[in-house]
Amino acid sequence: MLLLIQYTLIFASVLLLVALGGCFAEHSGVINLGLEGIMVIGALGGALMMRYAPDSMGAFGLIICVLLAAIAFGVAYSSLLGVACINFKANQTIVGTAMNMLGTAAATVIVKAINTATNPNDVSSTIQYVDEKKQFIVNIGDFEFNWFMAVAVIGLVVAYITLYKTKFGLRLMACGEHPQAADSVGINVYKMRWAGVLISGVFGGLGGICYILSGVSEWKFENGVAGFGFLALAVMIFGQWKPTRIAMAAVIFGFFRALSNVYFGFEFLVSLNIPGSIYNMLPYIICLIVLAFTSKKSRAPKAEGIPYDKGQR
């Protein structure tokens, strides 16, 4: 049971971080379907930092540098969405889909090039971080506390305060609801949408490095992030674009994802003789069922997905 709680919390942390990123982007009026690609690139940045960080850095320094590297890579990659969709008014769905494919492909090529340069016989897209991963874990009895659990909670608090208690957050949401009205009172809609997209890059990058550190001690980047970016979008929709509801949805979906890792530890589940692949599919099946029954009541920001034209009123 303790292992189930542990995996539920870490997977919920991933979903919460990425869904909060999507929440900021969509509240600004931009649909960020490229969260999957942003996760992969953010994970790449954090993994490269773990690989090349000097031993003298120490545990605290390593954690901070890995987080900053993941954020930097995530923000840089999310800027592609900003340029295409905000400046050039491209179709946001198509751009997001392209970013997902490009992210995995680019990360694979980069890691293979690095590995080949180090060892000509190594053509894999794998980065190992066995010792570095241990710095992110604190053993509390039999429970492994991962620092990303704390990062997710801090991210939730910051997101809630920013959206509902600050002038910036209220202006951001105004740009996602009625950008023409926001512009009429002096709010720069383009800048606010850029802010929303870049903030989604921050959370997406953090979610990516959190995902690859959640279980294994190495990651093959050609595998991507197993659809977690899209699962986070489902969490965001189920949570009605509200941080607190998103957190609850993340725990629910994280629980079903955790079952695929620990179901063999429960005798009554083993006795059902359900193939392990079914448990791997479970979070995505639940996602489809939940969205089928709740999507009609979803209230997305009214102007999301609509390119802003300053000349229109």
Foldseek 3Di string as FASTA:
>chain_A
DLLLVQQLLLQLLLLLLLLLLQLLLLLLFAGQLQLLLLLLQLQLQLLVLLQPPDPVCDLVSNVVNSLVSLLVRLLVLLVQLLCCCAVVVHQRVVSSVVSNVCSLVVLQVVQQVVVCVVPVVDRFSKGFNQPSLVSQWDDDDPHTDGCSSVVSVVVLVVSQCQLPPDPLNVLSNCNLAPVQVSVVVPDDSSVSSSVSSSSSSSSSSSSSNSQVSSDDRMDGSNVRRLCSSVLSNLLCQCLLSHSVSSSVSSSVLSSLCSCLVCVVVDPVSVVVVDDSVVSNCVSVVVSVVSCVVCVVVRDGRPNHSPHDDNPDD
